[in-house]
């Protein structure tokens, strides 16, 4: 018989003064990972960034040659197509992205880690804001070089602020979709909701040019209110009611946030 000789292995003692990552560092790393994941996804990048730029080149630049007045078509559509892009970025990042991650068990794995849930959701919100900034830069470059758009720096900053802050209610709306529809159908549902409501909200055509039936529901759509704020930022609206549109977006954020929390709790209980 052979006897096994057990060797004692001395493990190193944990460092007593080892620093733990701060909460801000966790947010930064999670946001970086989320942004790179979306940036490396061709479907997301083309759908969210490519479409607003393509639409602007097709319509904004071509129509600007036949437009007159203080606000040209290139300026008007620059604001509205940027809004369409940032709304799409928020809806797809949350509606389709969270639905797929929920089906893959990624959200359950995230909840098993010490990372706070707010870092997971906050990273997606900040990534949507970052893509809104990218859309504004690309569409703005097209407008400056091809459409003769020249805004003061303060105007660009106001438009950027509207885009990055106004996407929040659409992030919550995307969460509602993510927790209520199957993952395979989430992208189609997002398009089915986003495209008609963007048209009815005046992001593709001025509200005055919409059919009368659509104009009746336009004030109830958050797309309309963020669109009016963006148009007001560039001076395309003569008497912008900024407070009314801001309050409407805040109410939408509260309502969509409450519904997102309820659908999350409901889906969590069924799991």
Protein backbone atom coordinates (compact mmCIF):
# COMPACT_ATOMS: atom_id res chain seq x y z
CA UNK A 1 0.00 0.00 0.00
CA UNK A 2 1.12 3.46 -0.70
CA UNK A 3 0.46 6.20 1.72
CA UNK A 4 -0.45 9.66 0.57
CA UNK A 5 1.56 12.39 2.06
CA UNK A 6 -0.49 15.48 2.69
CA UNK A 7 1.40 18.67 2.26
CA UNK A 8 0.27 21.71 4.10
CA UNK A 9 -0.06 24.78 1.94
CA UNK A 10 0.11 28.08 3.69
CA UNK A 11 -2.24 30.59 2.10
CA UNK A 12 -1.33 34.26 2.21
CA UNK A 13 -3.23 36.30 4.72
CA UNK A 14 -5.56 38.96 3.29
CA UNK A 15 -4.14 42.42 3.27
CA UNK A 16 -5.46 44.43 6.18
CA UNK A 17 -5.30 47.82 4.51
CA UNK A 18 -6.61 46.76 1.09
CA UNK A 19 -8.77 49.50 -0.39
CA UNK A 20 -12.22 48.71 -1.72
CA UNK A 21 -13.44 50.31 -4.94
CA UNK A 22 -15.56 53.38 -4.35
CA UNK A 23 -19.15 53.64 -5.50
CA UNK A 24 -18.19 56.19 -8.15
CA UNK A 25 -15.57 53.79 -9.53
CA UNK A 26 -18.20 51.03 -9.79
CA UNK A 27 -20.50 53.39 -11.69
CA UNK A 28 -17.65 54.39 -14.00
CA UNK A 29 -16.61 50.81 -14.81
CA UNK A 30 -20.20 49.66 -15.36
CA UNK A 31 -20.93 52.64 -17.61
CA UNK A 32 -17.77 52.03 -19.63
CA UNK A 33 -18.64 48.36 -20.07
CA UNK A 34 -22.23 49.15 -21.09
CA UNK A 35 -21.15 51.81 -23.58
CA UNK A 36 -18.54 49.57 -25.20
CA UNK A 37 -21.03 46.71 -25.40
CA UNK A 38 -23.55 48.88 -27.25
CA UNK A 39 -20.86 50.56 -29.37
CA UNK A 40 -19.61 47.16 -30.55
CA UNK A 41 -23.13 45.99 -31.42
CA UNK A 42 -23.70 46.68 -35.14
CA UNK A 43 -27.49 46.38 -34.87
CA UNK A 44 -27.68 48.96 -32.11
CA UNK A 45 -25.11 51.30 -33.62
CA UNK A 46 -26.67 51.32 -37.10
CA UNK A 47 -30.25 51.54 -35.85
CA UNK A 48 -29.68 54.23 -33.24
CA UNK A 49 -26.92 56.36 -34.78
CA UNK A 50 -27.16 55.54 -38.48
CA UNK A 51 -30.86 56.19 -39.02
CA UNK A 52 -30.99 59.80 -37.69
CA UNK A 53 -27.90 60.70 -39.72
CA UNK A 54 -29.32 59.03 -42.85
CA UNK A 55 -32.73 60.70 -42.46
CA UNK A 56 -31.08 64.06 -41.95
CA UNK A 57 -28.96 63.68 -45.06
CA UNK A 58 -31.98 62.58 -47.12
CA UNK A 59 -34.47 65.16 -45.92
CA UNK A 60 -32.80 67.84 -43.83
CA UNK A 61 -30.05 68.68 -46.29
CA UNK A 62 -32.13 68.32 -49.46
CA UNK A 63 -35.07 70.36 -48.15
CA UNK A 64 -32.83 73.12 -46.84
CA UNK A 65 -32.05 74.23 -50.39
CA UNK A 66 -35.69 75.15 -50.99
CA UNK A 67 -36.48 76.64 -47.59
CA UNK A 68 -36.43 80.23 -46.52
CA UNK A 69 -37.08 82.26 -43.43
CA UNK A 70 -35.15 82.59 -40.22
CA UNK A 71 -35.31 78.83 -39.48
CA UNK A 72 -34.40 76.55 -42.35
CA UNK A 73 -35.36 72.91 -42.79
CA UNK A 74 -31.77 71.92 -42.04
CA UNK A 75 -31.98 73.64 -38.64
CA UNK A 76 -35.47 72.42 -37.81
CA UNK A 77 -34.83 68.79 -38.75
CA UNK A 78 -31.44 68.80 -37.04
CA UNK A 79 -33.18 69.27 -33.70
CA UNK A 80 -36.07 66.89 -34.38
CA UNK A 81 -33.94 64.06 -35.79
CA UNK A 82 -31.52 64.34 -32.87
CA UNK A 83 -34.49 63.93 -30.54
CA UNK A 84 -35.64 60.91 -32.53
CA UNK A 85 -32.15 59.43 -32.19
CA UNK A 86 -31.83 59.88 -28.45
CA UNK A 87 -35.35 58.53 -27.86
CA UNK A 88 -34.46 55.47 -29.94
CA UNK A 89 -31.19 55.05 -28.02
CA UNK A 90 -33.03 55.03 -24.69
CA UNK A 91 -35.84 52.72 -25.81
CA UNK A 92 -33.56 50.16 -27.45
CA UNK A 93 -30.95 50.17 -24.66
CA UNK A 94 -33.63 49.44 -22.06
CA UNK A 95 -36.49 47.87 -24.00
CA UNK A 96 -34.51 45.42 -26.11
CA UNK A 97 -31.26 45.30 -24.13
CA UNK A 98 -32.72 44.60 -20.70
CA UNK A 99 -35.21 42.10 -22.14
CA UNK A 100 -32.39 40.04 -23.67
CA UNK A 101 -30.24 40.26 -20.53
CA UNK A 102 -33.20 39.22 -18.39
CA UNK A 103 -33.78 36.14 -20.56
CA UNK A 104 -30.09 35.20 -20.43
CA UNK A 105 -30.04 35.38 -16.64
CA UNK A 106 -27.63 38.30 -16.67
CA UNK A 107 -29.81 40.39 -14.38
CA UNK A 108 -29.99 37.55 -11.82
CA UNK A 109 -26.20 37.31 -11.90
CA UNK A 110 -25.90 41.07 -11.42
CA UNK A 111 -28.20 40.94 -8.40
CA UNK A 112 -26.02 38.22 -6.84
CA UNK A 113 -23.03 40.58 -6.88
CA UNK A 114 -22.39 43.38 -4.35
CA UNK A 115 -22.89 45.95 -7.12
CA UNK A 116 -25.89 48.20 -6.36
CA UNK A 117 -28.81 47.88 -8.82
CA UNK A 118 -28.64 51.63 -9.43
CA UNK A 119 -25.22 51.15 -11.07
CA UNK A 120 -26.71 48.72 -13.59
CA UNK A 121 -29.57 51.05 -14.51
CA UNK A 122 -27.49 54.21 -14.20
CA UNK A 123 -24.91 52.84 -16.64
CA UNK A 124 -27.62 52.32 -19.25
CA UNK A 125 -29.02 55.82 -18.71
CA UNK A 126 -25.56 57.39 -19.04
CA UNK A 127 -24.86 55.27 -22.13
CA UNK A 128 -28.09 56.49 -23.73
CA UNK A 129 -27.02 60.05 -22.96
CA UNK A 130 -23.61 59.37 -24.48
CA UNK A 131 -25.16 58.07 -27.68
CA UNK A 132 -27.42 61.11 -27.76
CA UNK A 133 -24.26 63.23 -27.65
CA UNK A 134 -22.72 61.22 -30.50
CA UNK A 135 -25.87 61.67 -32.59
CA UNK A 136 -25.85 65.41 -31.97
CA UNK A 137 -22.17 65.64 -32.99
CA UNK A 138 -22.63 63.63 -36.21
CA UNK A 139 -25.87 65.31 -37.29
CA UNK A 140 -24.43 68.68 -36.29
CA UNK A 141 -21.35 68.11 -38.46
CA UNK A 142 -23.62 67.23 -41.39
CA UNK A 143 -25.66 70.36 -40.79
CA UNK A 144 -22.61 72.62 -40.53
CA UNK A 145 -20.76 71.23 -43.55
CA UNK A 146 -23.69 70.48 -45.88
CA UNK A 147 -26.72 72.39 -44.62
CA UNK A 148 -25.27 75.75 -43.72
CA UNK A 149 -26.28 75.44 -40.05
CA UNK A 150 -24.48 77.92 -37.81
CA UNK A 151 -25.62 78.10 -34.18
CA UNK A 152 -23.91 79.96 -31.35
CA UNK A 153 -22.17 77.79 -28.76
CA UNK A 154 -24.92 78.52 -26.22
CA UNK A 155 -27.54 77.15 -28.62
CA UNK A 156 -25.62 73.91 -29.10
CA UNK A 157 -25.29 73.56 -25.31
CA UNK A 158 -29.03 74.11 -24.77
CA UNK A 159 -29.87 71.53 -27.41
CA UNK A 160 -27.42 69.05 -25.88
CA UNK A 161 -28.93 69.57 -22.42
CA UNK A 162 -32.42 68.89 -23.75
CA UNK A 163 -31.27 65.67 -25.40
CA UNK A 164 -29.36 64.17 -22.48
CA UNK A 165 -31.88 65.11 -19.79
CA UNK A 166 -35.00 64.52 -21.85
CA UNK A 167 -34.17 60.86 -22.52
CA UNK A 168 -34.89 59.80 -18.91
CA UNK A 169 -38.66 59.10 -19.28
CA UNK A 170 -37.96 56.99 -22.36
CA UNK A 171 -35.47 54.91 -20.36
CA UNK A 172 -38.26 54.09 -17.91
CA UNK A 173 -40.62 53.38 -20.80
CA UNK A 174 -38.06 50.95 -22.19
CA UNK A 175 -37.96 49.14 -18.85
CA UNK A 176 -41.72 48.62 -19.01
CA UNK A 177 -41.29 46.96 -22.39
CA UNK A 178 -38.37 44.85 -21.14
CA UNK A 179 -40.37 43.39 -18.24
CA UNK A 180 -43.61 42.78 -20.14
CA UNK A 181 -42.74 41.35 -23.58
CA UNK A 182 -40.69 38.30 -24.62
CA UNK A 183 -37.04 39.07 -25.43
CA UNK A 184 -37.38 37.92 -29.05
CA UNK A 185 -40.23 40.36 -29.63
CA UNK A 186 -38.77 43.33 -27.77
CA UNK A 187 -37.01 45.01 -30.75
CA UNK A 188 -40.15 44.76 -32.88
CA UNK A 189 -42.33 46.15 -30.08
CA UNK A 190 -39.91 49.05 -29.58
CA UNK A 191 -40.11 49.93 -33.28
CA UNK A 192 -43.88 49.51 -33.27
CA UNK A 193 -44.12 52.02 -30.44
CA UNK A 194 -41.27 54.37 -31.31
CA UNK A 195 -41.89 55.05 -35.01
CA UNK A 196 -45.64 55.93 -34.88
CA UNK A 197 -45.28 58.01 -31.70
CA UNK A 198 -42.29 59.88 -33.12
CA UNK A 199 -44.36 60.75 -36.18
CA UNK A 200 -47.37 61.75 -34.08
CA UNK A 201 -45.13 63.76 -31.75
CA UNK A 202 -43.95 66.00 -34.58
CA UNK A 203 -40.38 64.69 -34.85
CA UNK A 204 -40.61 64.00 -38.58
CA UNK A 205 -43.04 66.72 -39.63
CA UNK A 206 -44.15 69.95 -37.95
CA UNK A 207 -47.21 69.44 -35.78
CA UNK A 208 -49.24 71.83 -37.96
CA UNK A 209 -48.75 69.50 -40.93
CA UNK A 210 -50.04 66.40 -39.13
CA UNK A 211 -53.58 65.06 -39.69
CA UNK A 212 -56.20 66.47 -37.37
CA UNK A 213 -56.73 63.13 -35.62
CA UNK A 214 -53.05 62.94 -34.69
CA UNK A 215 -52.89 66.55 -33.54
CA UNK A 216 -55.55 65.70 -30.95
CA UNK A 217 -53.26 63.20 -29.18
CA UNK A 218 -49.96 64.99 -29.76
CA UNK A 219 -49.93 66.98 -26.47
CA UNK A 220 -50.18 63.71 -24.53
CA UNK A 221 -46.98 62.28 -26.03
CA UNK A 222 -43.58 62.78 -24.34
CA UNK A 223 -41.98 62.80 -27.81
CA UNK A 224 -43.87 66.01 -28.51
CA UNK A 225 -42.65 67.73 -25.35
CA UNK A 226 -38.98 66.86 -25.74
CA UNK A 227 -39.27 67.84 -29.42
CA UNK A 228 -40.71 71.22 -28.52
CA UNK A 229 -37.95 71.82 -25.99
CA UNK A 230 -35.33 70.99 -28.63
CA UNK A 231 -36.98 73.26 -31.18
CA UNK A 232 -37.24 75.99 -28.57
CA UNK A 233 -33.53 75.62 -27.83
CA UNK A 234 -32.65 76.54 -31.43
CA UNK A 235 -35.31 79.26 -31.69
CA UNK A 236 -37.63 77.36 -34.04
CA UNK A 237 -40.63 77.96 -31.74
CA UNK A 238 -41.78 81.55 -31.39
CA UNK A 239 -43.28 81.30 -27.89
CA UNK A 240 -41.96 78.11 -26.31
CA UNK A 241 -43.79 77.11 -23.12
CA UNK A 242 -40.69 75.64 -21.52
CA UNK A 243 -42.21 75.08 -18.07
CA UNK A 244 -45.17 73.17 -19.48
CA UNK A 245 -42.97 70.82 -21.49
CA UNK A 246 -40.55 70.26 -18.59
CA UNK A 247 -43.43 69.44 -16.23
CA UNK A 248 -44.90 67.06 -18.82
CA UNK A 249 -41.59 65.19 -19.08
CA UNK A 250 -41.25 65.06 -15.30
CA UNK A 251 -44.75 63.63 -14.96
CA UNK A 252 -43.97 61.10 -17.67
CA UNK A 253 -40.80 60.09 -15.80
CA UNK A 254 -42.72 59.55 -12.56
CA UNK A 255 -45.51 57.58 -14.23
CA UNK A 256 -43.20 55.44 -16.37
CA UNK A 257 -40.84 54.93 -13.42
CA UNK A 258 -43.68 53.70 -11.19
CA UNK A 259 -44.94 51.37 -13.92
CA UNK A 260 -41.41 50.08 -14.53
CA UNK A 261 -40.98 49.32 -10.83
CA UNK A 262 -44.36 47.55 -10.72
CA UNK A 263 -43.64 45.43 -13.80
CA UNK A 264 -40.19 44.56 -12.41
CA UNK A 265 -41.66 43.42 -9.09
CA UNK A 266 -44.35 41.48 -10.89
CA UNK A 267 -41.85 39.70 -13.15
CA UNK A 268 -39.55 39.07 -10.17
CA UNK A 269 -42.34 37.31 -8.28
CA UNK A 270 -43.09 35.08 -11.27
CA UNK A 271 -39.44 34.08 -11.68
